[in-house]
Structure formats: structure tokens, C-alpha cells
Amino acid sequence: MTSQREQALTYTILGLFSLIALAPIVGIVFTAVQDPNAINSFGSFDGIHLGNFKDAWEQGNFGSYLRSSVIVSVTVVAVSILLSILSGYAFGMMRFRGSEVLFYLFLLGLMVPMEAMVVPLYYDLRDLQLTDTYWALILPQIGTSVAFGTFWMRAFFRSVPRSLVEAARIDGATSWFTLWRVLLPLAKPAVLTMTVLLFMWTWNEFLLALVMVTDEGLRTAPLGLSFFQGRNTSNLTLLAAGAVIVATPVVVLYMFLQRHFIRGMLSGAVKG
């Protein structure tokens, strides 16, 4: 058993690293609510000025950027989750010829970084006349997201007791019924954890939007924040307010699904 001294040391180290991780976030929020005309240094403070968020929203055109990010992220996450559940069920619960080869082929989507694919991908999408459209942002991210989702859901389905599936088959349940009515309710923490991860990765994707999109109306929030930074390099409060605006949807989603997210992560850690 762990002694009290070891527990105290563990919590002290965890608390220290938590402070290190939270310090930049607190600093950005702190800067975002300062008076832009009175800011002299990082530590100065002259009351809370929520008008900075309004100014950043209007000057940075974040309404359009956030709309584009929502369209792309929701579409990518919804399609990827559906395909990942189906492919994860196939690789985790079914036995068919070539399953191992196909699964490792899926894993190539995790091994090859976007930086290595973006140039040939641009030419392919340009030939298909899909650049400067939402499809240029949606389709590649669905491909990479399904690769991770298949790996994630396969691990869950392989951890499900075979006796549960066999009992459903004895009762006359089809594979489709077994997936959606028997296994999927048990997979809720894993699916919600995957939802948070895919939404976060899709929302924060910058390189793909930078290469594939030139129309300002199609810019996503991270790309729009980059252009906003170029126009306001000297106004730290507006930059911080813009960063908070862009990060807020991910934070809200994580807080809303926090309990399920932690359950899913711990379940994956225990079951392997």
C-alpha cells in the first residue's frame, strides 16, 4: 500500500504540474480582460473590461470563422463516429479474411502526419475542383479521424465479453441489432471520449485550412485568429480576447462531457 508520505509527494507533484499547465491559460484570460489603453506589462490590472471580447468579435469577423469551424467540426465528428463504430465493430468482433491487413492499412492514417500529405492532397482536391470549399476541409479530416476512431473502437469492442455477444446471438439478434442495441449502450463512455478528442483535433486544425482555403468566408477559427493576429500585433488584449473566443467551444464541450471523458480514458487504460 502507498504510504501517506508517498501520497503527499504524488499530490504535490501533480499540483505543481497542474499549476504549470494552467498558468498560460490564466495569463491569457487575465490579459483579455484588461484595459487595452492602460496595459503596460503582463502583471498590470485596471479592472475587468469585457468590451474587449466585443471589439475582437467585430474586428476579427469571428462570427464567420466560428460558423465555418462548427460546420466542418460537426460534420467531421458525426461522420467519423458513425464510420468508426461500424469499422471498429467489424475489426473487433468479426472474423474475415484480410482483417489484419486492412486494420494496419487503417493505422497508416495515424502514422502519416498531415504535413506529409497536404501537398499531394492539395493537387488531388484541386483536380477535383474541391479546393476553396468545405469539402476540402471535411473529407481529409474524416479520413484521418476514422483511422483513429477505428483503432479506438476496436480496442473497446475487443474488451467486451464474448459471452454477451453469444447470448444475444442465441436470442436471435442479428449483427446489426447486437451492435446498436446491445454493445453501443455499453460503449457510451468510449464514444463520448472519442467525440471530445475528434472535435478538439478538428477544431484546432490549422495547416489544412491554410493550404486549402483562400476565401475568407470559409476560414476556420484558428486560421482566422492567425490573420487577426497579423492585423493586431501590438494589441495584446484583443489578441488574448480572440484566443479565448476561439478556445471557448472546445472548453465548453469538454466541461459538458468531462465525466464521460474521464470514464472513457480510464476504461481504455484498464482494459487496454
C-alpha atoms as a PDB file:
ATOM      1  CA  MET A   1       0.000   0.000   0.000  1.00  0.00           C
ATOM      2  CA  THR A   2       1.044   3.573  -0.611  1.00  0.00           C
ATOM      3  CA  SER A   3       2.226   5.447   2.467  1.00  0.00           C
ATOM      4  CA  GLN A   4       0.924   8.879   3.410  1.00  0.00           C
ATOM      5  CA  ARG A   5       4.280  10.410   2.561  1.00  0.00           C
ATOM      6  CA  GLU A   6       4.186   8.935  -0.948  1.00  0.00           C
ATOM      7  CA  GLN A   7       0.616  10.147  -1.436  1.00  0.00           C
ATOM      8  CA  ALA A   8       1.557  13.633  -0.292  1.00  0.00           C
ATOM      9  CA  LEU A   9       4.528  13.679  -2.649  1.00  0.00           C
ATOM     10  CA  THR A  10       2.350  12.455  -5.520  1.00  0.00           C
ATOM     11  CA  TYR A  11      -0.304  15.115  -4.959  1.00  0.00           C
ATOM     12  CA  THR A  12       2.365  17.785  -4.582  1.00  0.00           C
ATOM     13  CA  ILE A  13       3.951  16.870  -7.919  1.00  0.00           C
ATOM     14  CA  LEU A  14       0.562  16.670  -9.643  1.00  0.00           C
ATOM     15  CA  GLY A  15      -0.452  20.004  -8.177  1.00  0.00           C
ATOM     16  CA  LEU A  16       2.800  21.597  -9.343  1.00  0.00           C
ATOM     17  CA  PHE A  17       2.365  20.340 -12.899  1.00  0.00           C
ATOM     18  CA  SER A  18      -1.274  21.463 -12.840  1.00  0.00           C
ATOM     19  CA  LEU A  19      -0.183  24.980 -11.934  1.00  0.00           C
ATOM     20  CA  ILE A  20       2.404  24.938 -14.730  1.00  0.00           C
ATOM     21  CA  ALA A  21      -0.261  23.825 -17.220  1.00  0.00           C
ATOM     22  CA  LEU A  22      -2.851  26.361 -16.023  1.00  0.00           C
ATOM     23  CA  ALA A  23      -0.521  29.364 -15.792  1.00  0.00           C
ATOM     24  CA  PRO A  24      -0.561  30.202 -19.554  1.00  0.00           C
ATOM     25  CA  ILE A  25      -4.351  29.830 -19.697  1.00  0.00           C
ATOM     26  CA  VAL A  26      -4.867  32.094 -16.700  1.00  0.00           C
ATOM     27  CA  GLY A  27      -2.418  34.590 -18.189  1.00  0.00           C
ATOM     28  CA  ILE A  28      -4.320  34.758 -21.493  1.00  0.00           C
ATOM     29  CA  VAL A  29      -7.681  35.202 -19.767  1.00  0.00           C
ATOM     30  CA  PHE A  30      -6.155  37.787 -17.431  1.00  0.00           C
ATOM     31  CA  THR A  31      -4.766  39.735 -20.388  1.00  0.00           C
ATOM     32  CA  ALA A  32      -8.056  39.511 -22.304  1.00  0.00           C
ATOM     33  CA  VAL A  33      -9.999  41.421 -19.622  1.00  0.00           C
ATOM     34  CA  GLN A  34      -7.504  44.246 -19.105  1.00  0.00           C
ATOM     35  CA  ASP A  35      -7.918  47.811 -20.302  1.00  0.00           C
ATOM     36  CA  PRO A  36      -6.206  47.974 -23.722  1.00  0.00           C
ATOM     37  CA  ASN A  37      -5.291  51.619 -23.170  1.00  0.00           C
ATOM     38  CA  ALA A  38      -3.753  51.081 -19.735  1.00  0.00           C
ATOM     39  CA  ILE A  39      -1.865  47.825 -20.174  1.00  0.00           C
ATOM     40  CA  ASN A  40       1.831  48.289 -19.550  1.00  0.00           C
ATOM     41  CA  SER A  41       3.004  44.836 -18.603  1.00  0.00           C
ATOM     42  CA  PHE A  42       1.774  41.317 -18.047  1.00  0.00           C
ATOM     43  CA  GLY A  43       1.129  41.910 -14.355  1.00  0.00           C
ATOM     44  CA  SER A  44      -0.760  45.197 -14.613  1.00  0.00           C
ATOM     45  CA  PHE A  45      -4.517  45.225 -13.973  1.00  0.00           C
ATOM     46  CA  ASP A  46      -7.051  48.047 -14.086  1.00  0.00           C
ATOM     47  CA  GLY A  47     -10.424  46.359 -13.669  1.00  0.00           C
ATOM     48  CA  ILE A  48     -12.335  43.919 -15.847  1.00  0.00           C
ATOM     49  CA  HIS A  49     -13.087  45.084 -19.395  1.00  0.00           C
ATOM     50  CA  LEU A  50     -15.421  42.633 -21.104  1.00  0.00           C
ATOM     51  CA  GLY A  51     -15.744  45.015 -24.028  1.00  0.00           C
ATOM     52  CA  ASN A  52     -12.503  43.560 -25.368  1.00  0.00           C
ATOM     53  CA  PHE A  53     -14.408  40.454 -26.438  1.00  0.00           C
ATOM     54  CA  LYS A  54     -16.972  42.534 -28.324  1.00  0.00           C
ATOM     55  CA  ASP A  55     -14.249  44.510 -30.079  1.00  0.00           C
ATOM     56  CA  ALA A  56     -12.344  41.352 -31.003  1.00  0.00           C
ATOM     57  CA  TRP A  57     -15.539  39.701 -32.251  1.00  0.00           C
ATOM     58  CA  GLU A  58     -16.422  42.622 -34.510  1.00  0.00           C
ATOM     59  CA  GLN A  59     -12.934  43.468 -35.761  1.00  0.00           C
ATOM     60  CA  GLY A  60     -11.853  39.869 -36.244  1.00  0.00           C
ATOM     61  CA  ASN A  61     -15.011  38.658 -38.015  1.00  0.00           C
ATOM     62  CA  PHE A  62     -15.072  35.704 -35.634  1.00  0.00           C
ATOM     63  CA  GLY A  63     -18.757  35.078 -36.258  1.00  0.00           C
ATOM     64  CA  SER A  64     -17.997  33.872 -39.790  1.00  0.00           C
ATOM     65  CA  TYR A  65     -14.903  31.950 -38.684  1.00  0.00           C
ATOM     66  CA  LEU A  66     -16.715  30.148 -35.881  1.00  0.00           C
ATOM     67  CA  ARG A  67     -19.574  29.254 -38.216  1.00  0.00           C
ATOM     68  CA  SER A  68     -17.128  27.631 -40.628  1.00  0.00           C
ATOM     69  CA  SER A  69     -15.424  25.749 -37.789  1.00  0.00           C
ATOM     70  CA  VAL A  70     -18.766  24.498 -36.482  1.00  0.00           C
ATOM     71  CA  ILE A  71     -19.823  23.279 -39.941  1.00  0.00           C
ATOM     72  CA  VAL A  72     -16.539  21.471 -40.512  1.00  0.00           C
ATOM     73  CA  SER A  73     -16.149  20.074 -36.991  1.00  0.00           C
ATOM     74  CA  VAL A  74     -19.714  18.830 -36.560  1.00  0.00           C
ATOM     75  CA  THR A  75     -19.718  17.168 -39.994  1.00  0.00           C
ATOM     76  CA  VAL A  76     -16.322  15.535 -39.482  1.00  0.00           C
ATOM     77  CA  VAL A  77     -17.145  14.301 -35.988  1.00  0.00           C
ATOM     78  CA  ALA A  78     -20.602  12.976 -36.889  1.00  0.00           C
ATOM     79  CA  VAL A  79     -19.467  11.066 -39.987  1.00  0.00           C
ATOM     80  CA  SER A  80     -16.253   9.843 -38.347  1.00  0.00           C
ATOM     81  CA  ILE A  81     -18.054   8.499 -35.285  1.00  0.00           C
ATOM     82  CA  LEU A  82     -20.556   6.588 -37.416  1.00  0.00           C
ATOM     83  CA  LEU A  83     -17.863   5.068 -39.627  1.00  0.00           C
ATOM     84  CA  SER A  84     -15.572   4.374 -36.666  1.00  0.00           C
ATOM     85  CA  ILE A  85     -18.276   2.481 -34.798  1.00  0.00           C
ATOM     86  CA  LEU A  86     -19.014   0.331 -37.837  1.00  0.00           C
ATOM     87  CA  SER A  87     -15.366  -0.351 -38.691  1.00  0.00           C
ATOM     88  CA  GLY A  88     -14.390  -0.858 -35.049  1.00  0.00           C
ATOM     89  CA  TYR A  89     -17.194  -3.385 -34.656  1.00  0.00           C
ATOM     90  CA  ALA A  90     -16.111  -5.205 -37.803  1.00  0.00           C
ATOM     91  CA  PHE A  91     -12.443  -5.411 -36.795  1.00  0.00           C
ATOM     92  CA  GLY A  92     -13.147  -6.078 -33.120  1.00  0.00           C
ATOM     93  CA  MET A  93     -15.998  -8.596 -33.225  1.00  0.00           C
ATOM     94  CA  MET A  94     -15.957 -10.202 -36.670  1.00  0.00           C
ATOM     95  CA  ARG A  95     -13.509 -12.598 -38.280  1.00  0.00           C
ATOM     96  CA  PHE A  96     -12.989 -12.304 -42.009  1.00  0.00           C
ATOM     97  CA  ARG A  97     -10.179 -12.813 -44.476  1.00  0.00           C
ATOM     98  CA  GLY A  98      -7.686  -9.952 -44.638  1.00  0.00           C
ATOM     99  CA  SER A  99      -8.928  -8.232 -41.483  1.00  0.00           C
ATOM    100  CA  GLU A 100      -5.446  -7.801 -40.012  1.00  0.00           C
ATOM    101  CA  VAL A 101      -4.058  -6.327 -43.228  1.00  0.00           C
ATOM    102  CA  LEU A 102      -6.972  -3.938 -43.581  1.00  0.00           C
ATOM    103  CA  PHE A 103      -6.662  -2.861 -39.950  1.00  0.00           C
ATOM    104  CA  TYR A 104      -2.980  -1.992 -40.331  1.00  0.00           C
ATOM    105  CA  LEU A 105      -3.893  -0.135 -43.510  1.00  0.00           C
ATOM    106  CA  PHE A 106      -6.260   1.958 -41.397  1.00  0.00           C
ATOM    107  CA  LEU A 107      -3.435   2.637 -38.974  1.00  0.00           C
ATOM    108  CA  LEU A 108      -1.466   4.352 -41.731  1.00  0.00           C
ATOM    109  CA  GLY A 109      -3.785   7.287 -41.174  1.00  0.00           C
ATOM    110  CA  LEU A 110      -2.308   7.600 -37.683  1.00  0.00           C
ATOM    111  CA  MET A 111       1.284   7.146 -38.756  1.00  0.00           C
ATOM    112  CA  VAL A 112       1.444   9.594 -41.660  1.00  0.00           C
ATOM    113  CA  PRO A 113       1.344  13.230 -40.466  1.00  0.00           C
ATOM    114  CA  MET A 114      -0.780  15.835 -42.216  1.00  0.00           C
ATOM    115  CA  GLU A 115       2.374  17.764 -43.153  1.00  0.00           C
ATOM    116  CA  ALA A 116       3.442  14.851 -45.369  1.00  0.00           C
ATOM    117  CA  MET A 117       0.061  14.586 -47.096  1.00  0.00           C
ATOM    118  CA  VAL A 118      -1.048  18.173 -47.535  1.00  0.00           C
ATOM    119  CA  VAL A 119       0.833  18.968 -50.779  1.00  0.00           C
ATOM    120  CA  PRO A 120      -0.278  15.937 -52.860  1.00  0.00           C
ATOM    121  CA  LEU A 121      -3.694  16.242 -51.231  1.00  0.00           C
ATOM    122  CA  TYR A 122      -3.961  19.823 -52.434  1.00  0.00           C
ATOM    123  CA  TYR A 123      -3.271  18.853 -56.049  1.00  0.00           C
ATOM    124  CA  ASP A 124      -5.742  15.968 -55.894  1.00  0.00           C
ATOM    125  CA  LEU A 125      -8.512  18.158 -54.488  1.00  0.00           C
ATOM    126  CA  ARG A 126      -7.678  20.926 -56.941  1.00  0.00           C
ATOM    127  CA  ASP A 127      -8.084  18.496 -59.848  1.00  0.00           C
ATOM    128  CA  LEU A 128     -11.473  17.545 -58.402  1.00  0.00           C
ATOM    129  CA  GLN A 129     -12.350  21.265 -58.069  1.00  0.00           C
ATOM    130  CA  LEU A 130     -12.870  20.896 -54.331  1.00  0.00           C
ATOM    131  CA  THR A 131     -10.378  23.487 -53.103  1.00  0.00           C
ATOM    132  CA  ASP A 132     -11.952  26.588 -51.601  1.00  0.00           C
ATOM    133  CA  THR A 133     -14.920  24.511 -50.457  1.00  0.00           C
ATOM    134  CA  TYR A 134     -15.882  22.961 -47.160  1.00  0.00           C
ATOM    135  CA  TRP A 135     -15.273  19.528 -48.680  1.00  0.00           C
ATOM    136  CA  ALA A 136     -11.557  20.276 -48.900  1.00  0.00           C
ATOM    137  CA  LEU A 137     -11.555  20.605 -45.109  1.00  0.00           C
ATOM    138  CA  ILE A 138     -14.069  17.894 -44.310  1.00  0.00           C
ATOM    139  CA  LEU A 139     -13.023  14.898 -46.413  1.00  0.00           C
ATOM    140  CA  PRO A 140      -9.310  14.727 -45.417  1.00  0.00           C
ATOM    141  CA  GLN A 141     -10.125  15.104 -41.742  1.00  0.00           C
ATOM    142  CA  ILE A 142     -12.751  12.390 -41.942  1.00  0.00           C
ATOM    143  CA  GLY A 143     -10.065  10.088 -43.334  1.00  0.00           C
ATOM    144  CA  THR A 144      -7.602  10.760 -40.533  1.00  0.00           C
ATOM    145  CA  SER A 145     -10.318  10.750 -37.863  1.00  0.00           C
ATOM    146  CA  VAL A 146     -11.706   7.386 -38.952  1.00  0.00           C
ATOM    147  CA  ALA A 147      -8.216   5.926 -38.668  1.00  0.00           C
ATOM    148  CA  PHE A 148      -8.039   6.898 -35.009  1.00  0.00           C
ATOM    149  CA  GLY A 149     -11.694   6.095 -34.372  1.00  0.00           C
ATOM    150  CA  THR A 150     -11.321   2.586 -35.804  1.00  0.00           C
ATOM    151  CA  PHE A 151      -8.334   1.924 -33.554  1.00  0.00           C
ATOM    152  CA  TRP A 152     -10.205   3.329 -30.540  1.00  0.00           C
ATOM    153  CA  MET A 153     -13.488   1.467 -31.050  1.00  0.00           C
ATOM    154  CA  ARG A 154     -11.774  -1.803 -31.999  1.00  0.00           C
ATOM    155  CA  ALA A 155      -9.995  -1.751 -28.646  1.00  0.00           C
ATOM    156  CA  PHE A 156     -13.327  -1.291 -26.872  1.00  0.00           C
ATOM    157  CA  PHE A 157     -15.212  -3.980 -28.767  1.00  0.00           C
ATOM    158  CA  ARG A 158     -12.412  -6.474 -28.210  1.00  0.00           C
ATOM    159  CA  SER A 159     -12.701  -5.851 -24.463  1.00  0.00           C
ATOM    160  CA  VAL A 160     -16.407  -6.800 -24.441  1.00  0.00           C
ATOM    161  CA  PRO A 161     -17.005 -10.330 -23.118  1.00  0.00           C
ATOM    162  CA  ARG A 162     -17.737 -12.710 -25.950  1.00  0.00           C
ATOM    163  CA  SER A 163     -20.403 -14.353 -23.804  1.00  0.00           C
ATOM    164  CA  LEU A 164     -22.511 -11.190 -24.069  1.00  0.00           C
ATOM    165  CA  VAL A 165     -22.459 -11.327 -27.853  1.00  0.00           C
ATOM    166  CA  GLU A 166     -23.079 -15.059 -27.895  1.00  0.00           C
ATOM    167  CA  ALA A 167     -26.086 -14.644 -25.595  1.00  0.00           C
ATOM    168  CA  ALA A 168     -27.535 -12.042 -27.974  1.00  0.00           C
ATOM    169  CA  ARG A 169     -26.964 -14.381 -30.927  1.00  0.00           C
ATOM    170  CA  ILE A 170     -28.703 -17.246 -29.101  1.00  0.00           C
ATOM    171  CA  ASP A 171     -31.704 -14.965 -28.566  1.00  0.00           C
ATOM    172  CA  GLY A 172     -31.834 -14.430 -32.315  1.00  0.00           C
ATOM    173  CA  ALA A 173     -30.222 -10.983 -32.513  1.00  0.00           C
ATOM    174  CA  THR A 174     -28.606 -10.042 -35.804  1.00  0.00           C
ATOM    175  CA  SER A 175     -25.188  -8.399 -36.021  1.00  0.00           C
ATOM    176  CA  TRP A 176     -26.841  -5.048 -36.635  1.00  0.00           C
ATOM    177  CA  PHE A 177     -29.140  -5.433 -33.599  1.00  0.00           C
ATOM    178  CA  THR A 178     -26.247  -6.617 -31.429  1.00  0.00           C
ATOM    179  CA  LEU A 179     -24.188  -3.565 -32.320  1.00  0.00           C
ATOM    180  CA  TRP A 180     -26.800  -0.859 -31.825  1.00  0.00           C
ATOM    181  CA  ARG A 181     -28.955  -2.311 -29.040  1.00  0.00           C
ATOM    182  CA  VAL A 182     -26.525  -4.423 -27.001  1.00  0.00           C
ATOM    183  CA  LEU A 183     -22.985  -3.115 -27.417  1.00  0.00           C
ATOM    184  CA  LEU A 184     -23.407   0.578 -28.207  1.00  0.00           C
ATOM    185  CA  PRO A 185     -25.070   1.466 -24.856  1.00  0.00           C
ATOM    186  CA  LEU A 186     -22.021  -0.039 -23.136  1.00  0.00           C
ATOM    187  CA  ALA A 187     -19.727   1.952 -25.422  1.00  0.00           C
ATOM    188  CA  LYS A 188     -21.156   5.335 -24.426  1.00  0.00           C
ATOM    189  CA  PRO A 189     -18.061   6.490 -22.444  1.00  0.00           C
ATOM    190  CA  ALA A 190     -15.729   5.384 -25.242  1.00  0.00           C
ATOM    191  CA  VAL A 191     -17.837   7.101 -27.922  1.00  0.00           C
ATOM    192  CA  LEU A 192     -18.130  10.344 -25.969  1.00  0.00           C
ATOM    193  CA  THR A 193     -14.403  10.356 -25.258  1.00  0.00           C
ATOM    194  CA  MET A 194     -13.743   9.876 -28.956  1.00  0.00           C
ATOM    195  CA  THR A 195     -16.189  12.710 -29.683  1.00  0.00           C
ATOM    196  CA  VAL A 196     -14.274  15.134 -27.494  1.00  0.00           C
ATOM    197  CA  LEU A 197     -10.906  14.148 -28.966  1.00  0.00           C
ATOM    198  CA  LEU A 198     -12.055  14.328 -32.593  1.00  0.00           C
ATOM    199  CA  PHE A 199     -13.835  17.630 -32.065  1.00  0.00           C
ATOM    200  CA  MET A 200     -10.776  19.122 -30.403  1.00  0.00           C
ATOM    201  CA  TRP A 201      -8.416  17.948 -33.159  1.00  0.00           C
ATOM    202  CA  THR A 202     -10.745  19.059 -35.948  1.00  0.00           C
ATOM    203  CA  TRP A 203     -11.428  22.426 -34.364  1.00  0.00           C
ATOM    204  CA  ASN A 204      -7.726  23.154 -33.899  1.00  0.00           C
ATOM    205  CA  GLU A 205      -6.658  22.049 -37.397  1.00  0.00           C
ATOM    206  CA  PHE A 206      -4.706  24.914 -38.955  1.00  0.00           C
ATOM    207  CA  LEU A 207      -2.433  23.669 -41.745  1.00  0.00           C
ATOM    208  CA  LEU A 208      -5.167  22.078 -43.833  1.00  0.00           C
ATOM    209  CA  ALA A 209      -7.313  25.224 -43.748  1.00  0.00           C
ATOM    210  CA  LEU A 210      -4.307  27.394 -44.551  1.00  0.00           C
ATOM    211  CA  VAL A 211      -3.487  25.406 -47.693  1.00  0.00           C
ATOM    212  CA  MET A 212      -6.946  24.506 -48.976  1.00  0.00           C
ATOM    213  CA  VAL A 213      -8.883  27.738 -48.379  1.00  0.00           C
ATOM    214  CA  THR A 214      -8.356  31.257 -49.684  1.00  0.00           C
ATOM    215  CA  ASP A 215     -11.931  32.527 -49.428  1.00  0.00           C
ATOM    216  CA  GLU A 216     -12.334  34.494 -46.200  1.00  0.00           C
ATOM    217  CA  GLY A 217     -15.867  33.169 -45.757  1.00  0.00           C
ATOM    218  CA  LEU A 218     -14.508  29.623 -45.491  1.00  0.00           C
ATOM    219  CA  ARG A 219     -11.732  30.316 -43.000  1.00  0.00           C
ATOM    220  CA  THR A 220     -11.944  28.349 -39.786  1.00  0.00           C
ATOM    221  CA  ALA A 221     -11.463  29.884 -36.336  1.00  0.00           C
ATOM    222  CA  PRO A 222      -7.741  29.030 -35.877  1.00  0.00           C
ATOM    223  CA  LEU A 223      -6.920  30.346 -39.350  1.00  0.00           C
ATOM    224  CA  GLY A 224      -8.992  33.463 -38.753  1.00  0.00           C
ATOM    225  CA  LEU A 225      -7.209  34.022 -35.454  1.00  0.00           C
ATOM    226  CA  SER A 226      -3.874  33.885 -37.280  1.00  0.00           C
ATOM    227  CA  PHE A 227      -4.967  36.598 -39.725  1.00  0.00           C
ATOM    228  CA  PHE A 228      -6.405  38.597 -36.830  1.00  0.00           C
ATOM    229  CA  GLN A 229      -3.040  38.367 -35.084  1.00  0.00           C
ATOM    230  CA  GLY A 230      -1.307  39.738 -38.181  1.00  0.00           C
ATOM    231  CA  ARG A 231      -3.505  42.836 -38.057  1.00  0.00           C
ATOM    232  CA  ASN A 232      -3.181  43.399 -34.301  1.00  0.00           C
ATOM    233  CA  THR A 233       0.369  42.505 -33.394  1.00  0.00           C
ATOM    234  CA  SER A 234       0.639  45.331 -30.866  1.00  0.00           C
ATOM    235  CA  ASN A 235      -2.767  44.978 -29.172  1.00  0.00           C
ATOM    236  CA  LEU A 236      -2.294  42.196 -26.656  1.00  0.00           C
ATOM    237  CA  THR A 237      -5.752  42.480 -25.129  1.00  0.00           C
ATOM    238  CA  LEU A 238      -7.565  41.975 -28.446  1.00  0.00           C
ATOM    239  CA  LEU A 239      -5.277  39.070 -29.335  1.00  0.00           C
ATOM    240  CA  ALA A 240      -5.948  37.421 -25.981  1.00  0.00           C
ATOM    241  CA  ALA A 241      -9.690  38.034 -26.306  1.00  0.00           C
ATOM    242  CA  GLY A 242      -9.672  36.475 -29.773  1.00  0.00           C
ATOM    243  CA  ALA A 243      -7.778  33.441 -28.475  1.00  0.00           C
ATOM    244  CA  VAL A 244     -10.328  32.996 -25.685  1.00  0.00           C
ATOM    245  CA  ILE A 245     -13.208  33.221 -28.172  1.00  0.00           C
ATOM    246  CA  VAL A 246     -11.664  30.551 -30.402  1.00  0.00           C
ATOM    247  CA  ALA A 247     -10.881  28.206 -27.495  1.00  0.00           C
ATOM    248  CA  THR A 248     -14.238  28.553 -25.720  1.00  0.00           C
ATOM    249  CA  PRO A 249     -16.255  25.951 -27.734  1.00  0.00           C
ATOM    250  CA  VAL A 250     -13.713  23.205 -27.037  1.00  0.00           C
ATOM    251  CA  VAL A 251     -13.588  24.087 -23.348  1.00  0.00           C
ATOM    252  CA  VAL A 252     -17.384  24.123 -23.084  1.00  0.00           C
ATOM    253  CA  LEU A 253     -17.695  20.736 -24.800  1.00  0.00           C
ATOM    254  CA  TYR A 254     -15.046  19.228 -22.548  1.00  0.00           C
ATOM    255  CA  MET A 255     -16.712  20.576 -19.399  1.00  0.00           C
ATOM    256  CA  PHE A 256     -20.084  19.253 -20.554  1.00  0.00           C
ATOM    257  CA  LEU A 257     -18.715  15.765 -21.259  1.00  0.00           C
ATOM    258  CA  GLN A 258     -15.976  15.752 -18.625  1.00  0.00           C
ATOM    259  CA  ARG A 259     -17.375  12.879 -16.574  1.00  0.00           C
ATOM    260  CA  HIS A 260     -17.818  10.606 -19.582  1.00  0.00           C
ATOM    261  CA  PHE A 261     -14.446  11.668 -20.986  1.00  0.00           C
ATOM    262  CA  ILE A 262     -12.604  10.621 -17.819  1.00  0.00           C
ATOM    263  CA  ARG A 263     -14.562   7.361 -17.613  1.00  0.00           C
ATOM    264  CA  GLY A 264     -13.683   6.553 -21.198  1.00  0.00           C
ATOM    265  CA  MET A 265      -9.989   7.296 -20.685  1.00  0.00           C
ATOM    266  CA  LEU A 266      -9.812   5.222 -17.513  1.00  0.00           C
ATOM    267  CA  SER A 267     -11.744   2.389 -19.123  1.00  0.00           C
ATOM    268  CA  GLY A 268      -9.322   2.334 -22.035  1.00  0.00           C
ATOM    269  CA  ALA A 269      -6.349   2.396 -19.664  1.00  0.00           C
ATOM    270  CA  VAL A 270      -7.638  -0.518 -17.606  1.00  0.00           C
ATOM    271  CA  LYS A 271      -8.865  -2.695 -20.452  1.00  0.00           C
ATOM    272  CA  GLY A 272      -6.013  -1.928 -22.827  1.00  0.00           C
END
